[in-house]
C-alpha atoms as a PDB file:
ATOM      1  CA  UNK A   1     -12.852  -9.254  -9.962  1.00  0.00           C
ATOM      2  CA  UNK A   2     -11.503  -7.381  -6.818  1.00  0.00           C
ATOM      3  CA  UNK A   3      -9.588  -4.179  -6.684  1.00  0.00           C
ATOM      4  CA  UNK A   4      -6.922  -3.672  -3.969  1.00  0.00           C
ATOM      5  CA  UNK A   5      -5.595  -0.844  -1.915  1.00  0.00           C
ATOM      6  CA  UNK A   6      -2.447  -1.734  -0.167  1.00  0.00           C
ATOM      7  CA  UNK A   7       0.405  -0.366   1.978  1.00  0.00           C
ATOM      8  CA  UNK A   8       3.940  -1.371   1.454  1.00  0.00           C
ATOM      9  CA  UNK A   9       6.572  -0.953   3.885  1.00  0.00           C
ATOM     10  CA  UNK A  10      10.345  -0.764   2.718  1.00  0.00           C
ATOM     11  CA  UNK A  11      12.259  -3.056   4.958  1.00  0.00           C
ATOM     12  CA  UNK A  12      15.482  -0.925   4.800  1.00  0.00           C
ATOM     13  CA  UNK A  13      14.094   2.350   5.902  1.00  0.00           C
ATOM     14  CA  UNK A  14      10.521   1.711   7.070  1.00  0.00           C
ATOM     15  CA  UNK A  15       8.949   4.151   4.563  1.00  0.00           C
ATOM     16  CA  UNK A  16       5.467   3.523   3.249  1.00  0.00           C
ATOM     17  CA  UNK A  17       3.791   3.404  -0.003  1.00  0.00           C
ATOM     18  CA  UNK A  18      -0.016   3.278  -0.695  1.00  0.00           C
ATOM     19  CA  UNK A  19      -1.222   1.940  -3.886  1.00  0.00           C
ATOM     20  CA  UNK A  20      -4.195   0.575  -5.838  1.00  0.00           C
ATOM     21  CA  UNK A  21      -4.163  -2.443  -8.144  1.00  0.00           C
ATOM     22  CA  UNK A  22      -6.356  -5.364  -9.790  1.00  0.00           C
ATOM     23  CA  UNK A  23      -3.434  -7.880  -9.222  1.00  0.00           C
ATOM     24  CA  UNK A  24      -1.847  -7.636  -5.884  1.00  0.00           C
ATOM     25  CA  UNK A  25       0.559 -10.407  -6.112  1.00  0.00           C
ATOM     26  CA  UNK A  26       2.026  -9.077  -9.573  1.00  0.00           C
ATOM     27  CA  UNK A  27       2.081  -5.273  -8.203  1.00  0.00           C
ATOM     28  CA  UNK A  28       4.219  -6.443  -5.440  1.00  0.00           C
ATOM     29  CA  UNK A  29       6.545  -8.277  -7.650  1.00  0.00           C
ATOM     30  CA  UNK A  30       6.712  -5.279  -9.833  1.00  0.00           C
ATOM     31  CA  UNK A  31       7.547  -2.891  -6.950  1.00  0.00           C
ATOM     32  CA  UNK A  32      10.209  -5.319  -5.848  1.00  0.00           C
ATOM     33  CA  UNK A  33      11.665  -5.557  -9.281  1.00  0.00           C
ATOM     34  CA  UNK A  34      11.855  -1.801 -10.009  1.00  0.00           C
ATOM     35  CA  UNK A  35       8.853  -1.774 -12.355  1.00  0.00           C
ATOM     36  CA  UNK A  36       6.596  -0.172  -9.684  1.00  0.00           C
ATOM     37  CA  UNK A  37       5.676   3.391  -9.073  1.00  0.00           C
ATOM     38  CA  UNK A  38       8.162   6.260  -9.263  1.00  0.00           C
ATOM     39  CA  UNK A  39       8.511   6.238  -5.459  1.00  0.00           C
ATOM     40  CA  UNK A  40       9.199   2.573  -5.217  1.00  0.00           C
ATOM     41  CA  UNK A  41      11.478   2.470  -8.174  1.00  0.00           C
ATOM     42  CA  UNK A  42      14.251   4.062  -6.100  1.00  0.00           C
ATOM     43  CA  UNK A  43      14.231   1.270  -3.433  1.00  0.00           C
ATOM     44  CA  UNK A  44      13.792  -2.393  -3.193  1.00  0.00           C
ATOM     45  CA  UNK A  45      12.661  -4.897  -0.563  1.00  0.00           C
ATOM     46  CA  UNK A  46       9.103  -3.875   0.012  1.00  0.00           C
ATOM     47  CA  UNK A  47       6.705  -6.070   2.026  1.00  0.00           C
ATOM     48  CA  UNK A  48       2.806  -5.484   2.287  1.00  0.00           C
ATOM     49  CA  UNK A  49       1.705  -4.620   5.712  1.00  0.00           C
ATOM     50  CA  UNK A  50      -1.840  -3.757   4.979  1.00  0.00           C
ATOM     51  CA  UNK A  51      -4.484  -4.484   2.305  1.00  0.00           C
ATOM     52  CA  UNK A  52      -8.304  -3.951   1.517  1.00  0.00           C
ATOM     53  CA  UNK A  53     -10.311  -5.499  -1.215  1.00  0.00           C
ATOM     54  CA  UNK A  54     -13.245  -3.861  -3.030  1.00  0.00           C
ATOM     55  CA  UNK A  55     -15.627  -5.047  -5.727  1.00  0.00           C
ATOM     56  CA  UNK A  56     -15.963  -1.453  -7.254  1.00  0.00           C
ATOM     57  CA  UNK A  57     -13.059   0.333  -8.704  1.00  0.00           C
ATOM     58  CA  UNK A  58     -14.086   3.731  -8.046  1.00  0.00           C
ATOM     59  CA  UNK A  59     -14.525   2.722  -4.121  1.00  0.00           C
ATOM     60  CA  UNK A  60     -11.030   1.351  -4.201  1.00  0.00           C
ATOM     61  CA  UNK A  61      -9.736   4.418  -5.772  1.00  0.00           C
ATOM     62  CA  UNK A  62     -11.588   6.619  -3.235  1.00  0.00           C
ATOM     63  CA  UNK A  63     -10.193   4.806  -0.491  1.00  0.00           C
ATOM     64  CA  UNK A  64      -6.550   5.031  -1.629  1.00  0.00           C
ATOM     65  CA  UNK A  65      -6.976   8.749  -1.937  1.00  0.00           C
ATOM     66  CA  UNK A  66      -8.248   8.837   1.647  1.00  0.00           C
ATOM     67  CA  UNK A  67      -5.435   6.564   3.098  1.00  0.00           C
ATOM     68  CA  UNK A  68      -3.211   9.087   1.533  1.00  0.00           C
ATOM     69  CA  UNK A  69      -4.722  12.040   3.429  1.00  0.00           C
ATOM     70  CA  UNK A  70      -3.808  13.263   6.807  1.00  0.00           C
ATOM     71  CA  UNK A  71      -6.987  11.692   8.149  1.00  0.00           C
ATOM     72  CA  UNK A  72      -6.145   8.484   6.309  1.00  0.00           C
ATOM     73  CA  UNK A  73      -2.553   8.299   7.591  1.00  0.00           C
ATOM     74  CA  UNK A  74      -4.140   8.766  11.278  1.00  0.00           C
ATOM     75  CA  UNK A  75      -6.462   5.924  10.463  1.00  0.00           C
ATOM     76  CA  UNK A  76      -3.644   3.558   9.528  1.00  0.00           C
ATOM     77  CA  UNK A  77      -1.694   4.180  12.559  1.00  0.00           C
ATOM     78  CA  UNK A  78      -4.686   3.355  14.617  1.00  0.00           C
ATOM     79  CA  UNK A  79      -5.346   0.275  12.652  1.00  0.00           C
ATOM     80  CA  UNK A  80      -1.562  -0.855  12.605  1.00  0.00           C
ATOM     81  CA  UNK A  81      -1.077   0.099  16.229  1.00  0.00           C
ATOM     82  CA  UNK A  82       0.237  -3.327  17.307  1.00  0.00           C
ATOM     83  CA  UNK A  83       2.303  -3.749  14.124  1.00  0.00           C
ATOM     84  CA  UNK A  84       3.926  -0.515  14.720  1.00  0.00           C
ATOM     85  CA  UNK A  85       4.949  -1.254  18.289  1.00  0.00           C
ATOM     86  CA  UNK A  86       6.988  -4.196  17.403  1.00  0.00           C
END
């Protein structure tokens, strides 16, 4: 079993959402159908722009926390530099 940390981008306004799940395909469907987290329920049309897979659940949860932090956001901006320049 894998545990996924992912970043979604809203196609309408470009906002990002960082999450964690065991079933990435279902979770994205949930976000787009209004069954996702509190933040994503308010909008639709999310697309995945970044994903990491982990074998250990606690490692994935720790990574999600990091990516939501200031240092994590700087890391993502560096990792997604080419995507963000589009």
